[in-house]
Amino acid sequence: MAKKSLKERLLEKQKKLKENSAGFKFFRVSEGKSRFRILSAGEEVDWAIEATVFYLGKEIGYVVSPVTFDGKCAIMNTYNELADSKKESDRKFAKTFKPGKKFFTAAGKYKDEKGAEPMTDGESKGIKLLMLATGQYNDMIDLWTDDEEAGDFTHPLEGYDLKMGRTGKSKNDTEYSVRPCKPTKAPKQWRKEVNLEEMLKAIIPSYKETKELMEKFLNLEPEEEEDDSKSSKKKKKSGKKGDL
């Protein structure tokens, strides 16, 4: 059998990465309490990476923009055109999907908050990116840098799980909490270093896909945004699709 070229191997790897991210492309902290194990990104490497995201309503959800890595994004093009418009209605509509910043870390998730059984779905072995709000990321930094009490939660053998809580559904009533669990060895399938940039790039849509997502969003019924996105009530859409 002929040896596969590097290009063929890279394309196969890319396909697997996208397949592993199918469905729910990343974890989010849901209402109640969830338990996670954060994986190391390497010695002296930050265990979280910042990204530009858009919230396009409950039906589409959060989209990581290609501009995170200096790529072209039709959603950003449309936002900029509407935000700079002379029409008040355009500017008002632009605020409903204003870009924001989130942080992503690689995490293994347990089936419940007690941590008795890890999720191990498919080739990903239960590992996906976990999206964090700025407050969650700051709380995690406090834990990681507290050498006397908590310390490095990413260490596979001497680290510890994080119990993350969430109450509320909208920006005005949502609160997060991050609590350290007792030090434990990570499940064997989670004792590895990850490449955060590679994982994040695997879930970022192409320019064509951002164009399709923007067109879909423009045709959705207006709704109130959730979580820590900008709240908005029902509004009239301008009908202007901008520079897709």
C-alpha atoms as a PDB file:
ATOM      1  CA  MET A   1       0.000   0.000   0.000  1.00  0.00           C
ATOM      2  CA  ALA A   2       1.337   3.413  -0.967  1.00  0.00           C
ATOM      3  CA  LYS A   3       2.386   5.622   1.900  1.00  0.00           C
ATOM      4  CA  LYS A   4       0.023   8.524   2.446  1.00  0.00           C
ATOM      5  CA  SER A   5       1.377  11.985   1.823  1.00  0.00           C
ATOM      6  CA  LEU A   6       1.647  14.565   4.600  1.00  0.00           C
ATOM      7  CA  LYS A   7      -1.249  16.477   3.038  1.00  0.00           C
ATOM      8  CA  GLU A   8      -3.464  13.376   3.124  1.00  0.00           C
ATOM      9  CA  ARG A   9      -2.507  12.648   6.741  1.00  0.00           C
ATOM     10  CA  LEU A  10      -3.172  16.233   7.793  1.00  0.00           C
ATOM     11  CA  LEU A  11      -6.572  16.255   6.104  1.00  0.00           C
ATOM     12  CA  GLU A  12      -7.489  12.998   7.850  1.00  0.00           C
ATOM     13  CA  LYS A  13      -6.382  14.460  11.166  1.00  0.00           C
ATOM     14  CA  GLN A  14      -8.445  17.581  10.547  1.00  0.00           C
ATOM     15  CA  LYS A  15     -11.488  15.451   9.728  1.00  0.00           C
ATOM     16  CA  LYS A  16     -11.127  13.503  12.965  1.00  0.00           C
ATOM     17  CA  LEU A  17     -10.786  16.686  14.973  1.00  0.00           C
ATOM     18  CA  LYS A  18     -14.019  18.020  13.509  1.00  0.00           C
ATOM     19  CA  GLU A  19     -15.782  14.698  14.014  1.00  0.00           C
ATOM     20  CA  ASN A  20     -14.709  14.698  17.648  1.00  0.00           C
ATOM     21  CA  SER A  21     -16.238  18.139  18.015  1.00  0.00           C
ATOM     22  CA  ALA A  22     -19.504  17.209  16.306  1.00  0.00           C
ATOM     23  CA  GLY A  23     -22.783  17.965  18.033  1.00  0.00           C
ATOM     24  CA  PHE A  24     -21.933  20.046  21.057  1.00  0.00           C
ATOM     25  CA  LYS A  25     -18.630  21.488  19.891  1.00  0.00           C
ATOM     26  CA  PHE A  26     -17.601  22.537  23.363  1.00  0.00           C
ATOM     27  CA  PHE A  27     -18.724  22.283  26.962  1.00  0.00           C
ATOM     28  CA  ARG A  28     -20.528  25.073  28.722  1.00  0.00           C
ATOM     29  CA  VAL A  29     -21.280  25.280  32.411  1.00  0.00           C
ATOM     30  CA  SER A  30     -24.979  24.490  32.658  1.00  0.00           C
ATOM     31  CA  GLU A  31     -27.401  25.339  35.463  1.00  0.00           C
ATOM     32  CA  GLY A  32     -26.640  23.499  38.669  1.00  0.00           C
ATOM     33  CA  LYS A  33     -23.228  22.013  39.344  1.00  0.00           C
ATOM     34  CA  SER A  34     -20.810  20.271  36.987  1.00  0.00           C
ATOM     35  CA  ARG A  35     -17.430  18.711  37.622  1.00  0.00           C
ATOM     36  CA  PHE A  36     -14.467  19.043  35.273  1.00  0.00           C
ATOM     37  CA  ARG A  37     -10.793  18.130  35.099  1.00  0.00           C
ATOM     38  CA  ILE A  38      -8.687  20.728  33.294  1.00  0.00           C
ATOM     39  CA  LEU A  39      -5.910  19.338  31.112  1.00  0.00           C
ATOM     40  CA  SER A  40      -2.431  20.783  30.904  1.00  0.00           C
ATOM     41  CA  ALA A  41      -1.392  22.646  27.753  1.00  0.00           C
ATOM     42  CA  GLY A  42       2.280  22.135  28.569  1.00  0.00           C
ATOM     43  CA  GLU A  43       4.864  23.404  31.002  1.00  0.00           C
ATOM     44  CA  GLU A  44       4.710  27.188  31.381  1.00  0.00           C
ATOM     45  CA  VAL A  45       1.826  27.339  28.872  1.00  0.00           C
ATOM     46  CA  ASP A  46      -1.481  28.992  29.793  1.00  0.00           C
ATOM     47  CA  TRP A  47      -4.236  26.393  30.184  1.00  0.00           C
ATOM     48  CA  ALA A  48      -6.781  28.722  28.548  1.00  0.00           C
ATOM     49  CA  ILE A  49      -6.904  30.577  25.243  1.00  0.00           C
ATOM     50  CA  GLU A  50      -8.831  33.749  24.420  1.00  0.00           C
ATOM     51  CA  ALA A  51     -11.211  33.848  21.460  1.00  0.00           C
ATOM     52  CA  THR A  52     -13.634  36.241  19.770  1.00  0.00           C
ATOM     53  CA  VAL A  53     -17.182  34.878  19.803  1.00  0.00           C
ATOM     54  CA  PHE A  54     -20.660  35.832  18.625  1.00  0.00           C
ATOM     55  CA  TYR A  55     -23.906  34.764  20.256  1.00  0.00           C
ATOM     56  CA  LEU A  56     -26.461  34.164  17.501  1.00  0.00           C
ATOM     57  CA  GLY A  57     -29.488  33.162  19.563  1.00  0.00           C
ATOM     58  CA  LYS A  58     -30.483  29.879  21.158  1.00  0.00           C
ATOM     59  CA  GLU A  59     -30.985  28.067  17.871  1.00  0.00           C
ATOM     60  CA  ILE A  60     -27.425  28.735  16.659  1.00  0.00           C
ATOM     61  CA  GLY A  61     -25.677  29.504  19.927  1.00  0.00           C
ATOM     62  CA  TYR A  62     -22.113  30.715  20.302  1.00  0.00           C
ATOM     63  CA  VAL A  63     -19.843  30.841  17.258  1.00  0.00           C
ATOM     64  CA  VAL A  64     -16.078  31.213  17.553  1.00  0.00           C
ATOM     65  CA  SER A  65     -15.062  33.769  14.940  1.00  0.00           C
ATOM     66  CA  PRO A  66     -12.206  33.137  12.492  1.00  0.00           C
ATOM     67  CA  VAL A  67     -10.885  36.597  13.406  1.00  0.00           C
ATOM     68  CA  THR A  68      -9.517  34.897  16.520  1.00  0.00           C
ATOM     69  CA  PHE A  69      -6.667  33.780  14.277  1.00  0.00           C
ATOM     70  CA  ASP A  70      -6.837  36.715  11.825  1.00  0.00           C
ATOM     71  CA  GLY A  71      -9.221  34.930   9.462  1.00  0.00           C
ATOM     72  CA  LYS A  72     -12.112  36.321   7.421  1.00  0.00           C
ATOM     73  CA  CYS A  73     -15.527  36.276   9.081  1.00  0.00           C
ATOM     74  CA  ALA A  74     -18.814  37.196   7.400  1.00  0.00           C
ATOM     75  CA  ILE A  75     -20.460  37.696  10.798  1.00  0.00           C
ATOM     76  CA  MET A  76     -17.878  40.298  11.754  1.00  0.00           C
ATOM     77  CA  ASN A  77     -18.225  41.984   8.354  1.00  0.00           C
ATOM     78  CA  THR A  78     -21.973  42.286   8.819  1.00  0.00           C
ATOM     79  CA  TYR A  79     -21.624  43.505  12.390  1.00  0.00           C
ATOM     80  CA  ASN A  80     -19.140  46.214  11.413  1.00  0.00           C
ATOM     81  CA  GLU A  81     -21.288  47.424   8.521  1.00  0.00           C
ATOM     82  CA  LEU A  82     -24.418  47.653  10.667  1.00  0.00           C
ATOM     83  CA  ALA A  83     -22.583  49.191  13.631  1.00  0.00           C
ATOM     84  CA  ASP A  84     -21.186  51.925  11.351  1.00  0.00           C
ATOM     85  CA  SER A  85     -24.494  52.533   9.576  1.00  0.00           C
ATOM     86  CA  LYS A  86     -26.150  55.952   9.672  1.00  0.00           C
ATOM     87  CA  LYS A  87     -29.459  54.239  10.392  1.00  0.00           C
ATOM     88  CA  GLU A  88     -30.324  53.913  14.067  1.00  0.00           C
ATOM     89  CA  SER A  89     -32.201  50.671  13.401  1.00  0.00           C
ATOM     90  CA  ASP A  90     -29.068  49.113  11.905  1.00  0.00           C
ATOM     91  CA  ARG A  91     -26.905  50.179  14.829  1.00  0.00           C
ATOM     92  CA  LYS A  92     -29.489  48.917  17.294  1.00  0.00           C
ATOM     93  CA  PHE A  93     -29.645  45.541  15.543  1.00  0.00           C
ATOM     94  CA  ALA A  94     -25.843  45.292  15.506  1.00  0.00           C
ATOM     95  CA  LYS A  95     -25.868  45.431  19.312  1.00  0.00           C
ATOM     96  CA  THR A  96     -27.875  42.194  19.409  1.00  0.00           C
ATOM     97  CA  PHE A  97     -24.906  40.168  18.178  1.00  0.00           C
ATOM     98  CA  LYS A  98     -21.984  42.298  19.304  1.00  0.00           C
ATOM     99  CA  PRO A  99     -18.724  40.293  19.385  1.00  0.00           C
ATOM    100  CA  GLY A 100     -17.349  39.360  22.760  1.00  0.00           C
ATOM    101  CA  LYS A 101     -14.393  37.610  24.345  1.00  0.00           C
ATOM    102  CA  LYS A 102     -14.441  34.165  25.918  1.00  0.00           C
ATOM    103  CA  PHE A 103     -11.760  31.840  27.165  1.00  0.00           C
ATOM    104  CA  PHE A 104     -11.459  28.177  26.224  1.00  0.00           C
ATOM    105  CA  THR A 105      -9.701  25.445  28.163  1.00  0.00           C
ATOM    106  CA  ALA A 106      -9.438  21.707  27.497  1.00  0.00           C
ATOM    107  CA  ALA A 107     -11.475  19.718  29.986  1.00  0.00           C
ATOM    108  CA  GLY A 108     -12.745  16.269  30.760  1.00  0.00           C
ATOM    109  CA  LYS A 109     -16.256  16.237  32.166  1.00  0.00           C
ATOM    110  CA  TYR A 110     -17.702  13.858  34.730  1.00  0.00           C
ATOM    111  CA  LYS A 111     -21.215  12.470  34.513  1.00  0.00           C
ATOM    112  CA  ASP A 112     -22.148  14.118  37.819  1.00  0.00           C
ATOM    113  CA  GLU A 113     -20.703  16.512  40.358  1.00  0.00           C
ATOM    114  CA  LYS A 114     -19.409  13.673  42.565  1.00  0.00           C
ATOM    115  CA  GLY A 115     -16.844  12.720  39.928  1.00  0.00           C
ATOM    116  CA  ALA A 116     -17.331   8.975  40.268  1.00  0.00           C
ATOM    117  CA  GLU A 117     -17.533   8.322  36.535  1.00  0.00           C
ATOM    118  CA  PRO A 118     -15.922  10.347  33.714  1.00  0.00           C
ATOM    119  CA  MET A 119     -17.613  10.913  30.389  1.00  0.00           C
ATOM    120  CA  THR A 120     -15.672   9.020  27.720  1.00  0.00           C
ATOM    121  CA  ASP A 121     -17.600   9.558  24.482  1.00  0.00           C
ATOM    122  CA  GLY A 122     -15.904   8.418  21.256  1.00  0.00           C
ATOM    123  CA  GLU A 123     -12.339   9.122  20.251  1.00  0.00           C
ATOM    124  CA  SER A 124     -12.335  12.389  22.188  1.00  0.00           C
ATOM    125  CA  LYS A 125     -12.437  10.334  25.435  1.00  0.00           C
ATOM    126  CA  GLY A 126     -14.772  12.928  26.912  1.00  0.00           C
ATOM    127  CA  ILE A 127     -12.299  15.770  26.309  1.00  0.00           C
ATOM    128  CA  LYS A 128     -13.576  18.964  24.736  1.00  0.00           C
ATOM    129  CA  LEU A 129     -12.995  22.661  25.040  1.00  0.00           C
ATOM    130  CA  LEU A 130     -14.808  24.313  27.931  1.00  0.00           C
ATOM    131  CA  MET A 131     -16.006  27.874  27.351  1.00  0.00           C
ATOM    132  CA  LEU A 132     -15.366  30.259  30.224  1.00  0.00           C
ATOM    133  CA  ALA A 133     -16.603  33.728  31.024  1.00  0.00           C
ATOM    134  CA  THR A 134     -13.998  36.228  32.209  1.00  0.00           C
ATOM    135  CA  GLY A 135     -15.106  35.850  35.826  1.00  0.00           C
ATOM    136  CA  GLN A 136     -14.682  32.076  35.732  1.00  0.00           C
ATOM    137  CA  TYR A 137     -11.236  32.409  34.199  1.00  0.00           C
ATOM    138  CA  ASN A 138     -10.210  34.897  36.892  1.00  0.00           C
ATOM    139  CA  ASP A 139     -11.437  32.568  39.648  1.00  0.00           C
ATOM    140  CA  MET A 140      -9.420  29.728  38.125  1.00  0.00           C
ATOM    141  CA  ILE A 141      -6.305  31.913  37.995  1.00  0.00           C
ATOM    142  CA  ASP A 142      -6.771  32.622  41.715  1.00  0.00           C
ATOM    143  CA  LEU A 143      -6.850  28.889  42.448  1.00  0.00           C
ATOM    144  CA  TRP A 144      -3.923  28.002  40.177  1.00  0.00           C
ATOM    145  CA  THR A 145      -1.639  30.693  41.598  1.00  0.00           C
ATOM    146  CA  ASP A 146      -2.492  29.914  45.232  1.00  0.00           C
ATOM    147  CA  ASP A 147       0.426  27.565  45.937  1.00  0.00           C
ATOM    148  CA  GLU A 148      -0.287  27.232  49.661  1.00  0.00           C
ATOM    149  CA  GLU A 149      -3.944  26.224  49.440  1.00  0.00           C
ATOM    150  CA  ALA A 150      -4.781  24.942  45.966  1.00  0.00           C
ATOM    151  CA  GLY A 151      -2.188  25.256  43.217  1.00  0.00           C
ATOM    152  CA  ASP A 152      -1.895  23.620  39.802  1.00  0.00           C
ATOM    153  CA  PHE A 153      -5.187  21.877  39.057  1.00  0.00           C
ATOM    154  CA  THR A 154      -3.893  20.724  35.652  1.00  0.00           C
ATOM    155  CA  HIS A 155      -1.326  18.291  37.069  1.00  0.00           C
ATOM    156  CA  PRO A 156      -2.481  14.789  36.018  1.00  0.00           C
ATOM    157  CA  LEU A 157      -1.371  13.093  39.247  1.00  0.00           C
ATOM    158  CA  GLU A 158      -1.241  15.806  41.911  1.00  0.00           C
ATOM    159  CA  GLY A 159      -3.940  18.149  40.605  1.00  0.00           C
ATOM    160  CA  TYR A 160      -7.642  18.272  41.373  1.00  0.00           C
ATOM    161  CA  ASP A 161     -11.056  18.543  39.766  1.00  0.00           C
ATOM    162  CA  LEU A 162     -13.065  21.757  39.650  1.00  0.00           C
ATOM    163  CA  LYS A 163     -16.701  21.902  40.611  1.00  0.00           C
ATOM    164  CA  MET A 164     -18.402  24.649  38.618  1.00  0.00           C
ATOM    165  CA  GLY A 165     -21.796  26.030  39.479  1.00  0.00           C
ATOM    166  CA  ARG A 166     -24.235  28.202  37.627  1.00  0.00           C
ATOM    167  CA  THR A 167     -27.485  29.838  38.676  1.00  0.00           C
ATOM    168  CA  GLY A 168     -29.789  31.918  36.474  1.00  0.00           C
ATOM    169  CA  LYS A 169     -30.402  32.006  32.747  1.00  0.00           C
ATOM    170  CA  SER A 170     -29.959  35.603  31.611  1.00  0.00           C
ATOM    171  CA  LYS A 171     -27.239  38.204  31.907  1.00  0.00           C
ATOM    172  CA  ASN A 172     -28.986  39.940  34.755  1.00  0.00           C
ATOM    173  CA  ASP A 173     -29.398  36.885  36.996  1.00  0.00           C
ATOM    174  CA  THR A 174     -26.593  34.492  36.010  1.00  0.00           C
ATOM    175  CA  GLU A 175     -23.880  33.810  38.559  1.00  0.00           C
ATOM    176  CA  TYR A 176     -20.979  31.379  38.331  1.00  0.00           C
ATOM    177  CA  SER A 177     -18.868  29.709  40.968  1.00  0.00           C
ATOM    178  CA  VAL A 178     -15.636  27.708  40.796  1.00  0.00           C
ATOM    179  CA  ARG A 179     -14.660  25.445  43.679  1.00  0.00           C
ATOM    180  CA  PRO A 180     -11.653  23.136  44.091  1.00  0.00           C
ATOM    181  CA  CYS A 181     -12.165  19.462  44.878  1.00  0.00           C
ATOM    182  CA  LYS A 182      -9.783  17.267  46.855  1.00  0.00           C
ATOM    183  CA  PRO A 183      -6.533  16.406  45.049  1.00  0.00           C
ATOM    184  CA  THR A 184      -6.915  13.225  42.977  1.00  0.00           C
ATOM    185  CA  LYS A 185      -5.271  11.508  40.043  1.00  0.00           C
ATOM    186  CA  ALA A 186      -6.958  12.317  36.756  1.00  0.00           C
ATOM    187  CA  PRO A 187      -8.550   9.385  34.887  1.00  0.00           C
ATOM    188  CA  LYS A 188      -5.893   7.726  32.710  1.00  0.00           C
ATOM    189  CA  GLN A 189      -7.473   8.909  29.456  1.00  0.00           C
ATOM    190  CA  TRP A 190      -7.156  12.522  30.622  1.00  0.00           C
ATOM    191  CA  ARG A 191      -3.485  12.406  31.666  1.00  0.00           C
ATOM    192  CA  LYS A 192      -2.057  14.118  28.642  1.00  0.00           C
ATOM    193  CA  GLU A 193      -1.040  17.523  27.364  1.00  0.00           C
ATOM    194  CA  VAL A 194      -3.197  19.210  24.744  1.00  0.00           C
ATOM    195  CA  ASN A 195      -2.676  21.762  22.008  1.00  0.00           C
ATOM    196  CA  LEU A 196      -5.304  24.416  22.716  1.00  0.00           C
ATOM    197  CA  GLU A 197      -4.711  26.341  19.510  1.00  0.00           C
ATOM    198  CA  GLU A 198      -5.196  23.197  17.445  1.00  0.00           C
ATOM    199  CA  MET A 199      -8.382  22.284  19.340  1.00  0.00           C
ATOM    200  CA  LEU A 200      -9.821  25.775  18.945  1.00  0.00           C
ATOM    201  CA  LYS A 201      -9.035  25.973  15.238  1.00  0.00           C
ATOM    202  CA  ALA A 202     -10.843  22.655  14.753  1.00  0.00           C
ATOM    203  CA  ILE A 203     -14.185  24.158  15.833  1.00  0.00           C
ATOM    204  CA  ILE A 204     -13.877  27.503  14.034  1.00  0.00           C
ATOM    205  CA  PRO A 205     -16.145  27.716  10.969  1.00  0.00           C
ATOM    206  CA  SER A 206     -14.841  28.617   7.536  1.00  0.00           C
ATOM    207  CA  TYR A 207     -15.713  31.957   5.926  1.00  0.00           C
ATOM    208  CA  LYS A 208     -18.414  30.208   3.878  1.00  0.00           C
ATOM    209  CA  GLU A 209     -19.881  28.699   7.033  1.00  0.00           C
ATOM    210  CA  THR A 210     -19.937  32.076   8.821  1.00  0.00           C
ATOM    211  CA  LYS A 211     -21.786  33.490   5.835  1.00  0.00           C
ATOM    212  CA  GLU A 212     -24.394  30.724   6.069  1.00  0.00           C
ATOM    213  CA  LEU A 213     -24.744  31.198   9.825  1.00  0.00           C
ATOM    214  CA  MET A 214     -25.211  34.953   9.426  1.00  0.00           C
ATOM    215  CA  GLU A 215     -27.899  34.456   6.782  1.00  0.00           C
ATOM    216  CA  LYS A 216     -29.677  31.988   9.060  1.00  0.00           C
ATOM    217  CA  PHE A 217     -29.501  34.397  11.999  1.00  0.00           C
ATOM    218  CA  LEU A 218     -30.966  37.223   9.941  1.00  0.00           C
ATOM    219  CA  ASN A 219     -34.009  35.070   9.250  1.00  0.00           C
ATOM    220  CA  LEU A 220     -34.628  34.005  12.863  1.00  0.00           C
ATOM    221  CA  GLU A 221     -37.262  35.512  15.098  1.00  0.00           C
ATOM    222  CA  PRO A 222     -35.758  38.061  17.500  1.00  0.00           C
ATOM    223  CA  GLU A 223     -35.267  36.826  21.049  1.00  0.00           C
ATOM    224  CA  GLU A 224     -33.798  37.865  24.355  1.00  0.00           C
ATOM    225  CA  GLU A 225     -30.170  36.881  24.594  1.00  0.00           C
ATOM    226  CA  GLU A 226     -29.024  34.527  27.306  1.00  0.00           C
ATOM    227  CA  ASP A 227     -26.096  34.125  29.631  1.00  0.00           C
ATOM    228  CA  ASP A 228     -23.516  36.896  29.762  1.00  0.00           C
ATOM    229  CA  SER A 229     -24.297  38.177  26.276  1.00  0.00           C
ATOM    230  CA  LYS A 230     -25.794  41.606  25.783  1.00  0.00           C
ATOM    231  CA  SER A 231     -29.479  41.480  26.731  1.00  0.00           C
ATOM    232  CA  SER A 232     -31.955  42.550  24.121  1.00  0.00           C
ATOM    233  CA  LYS A 233     -35.685  42.505  23.821  1.00  0.00           C
ATOM    234  CA  LYS A 234     -37.717  41.902  20.688  1.00  0.00           C
ATOM    235  CA  LYS A 235     -36.613  44.233  17.994  1.00  0.00           C
ATOM    236  CA  LYS A 236     -37.244  44.925  14.385  1.00  0.00           C
ATOM    237  CA  LYS A 237     -34.557  43.623  12.068  1.00  0.00           C
ATOM    238  CA  SER A 238     -33.265  45.984   9.485  1.00  0.00           C
ATOM    239  CA  GLY A 239     -33.355  43.466   6.673  1.00  0.00           C
ATOM    240  CA  LYS A 240     -29.926  44.674   5.626  1.00  0.00           C
ATOM    241  CA  LYS A 241     -27.578  41.729   5.311  1.00  0.00           C
ATOM    242  CA  GLY A 242     -24.399  43.703   5.051  1.00  0.00           C
ATOM    243  CA  ASP A 243     -21.128  42.585   3.530  1.00  0.00           C
ATOM    244  CA  LEU A 244     -21.341  38.809   3.605  1.00  0.00           C
END
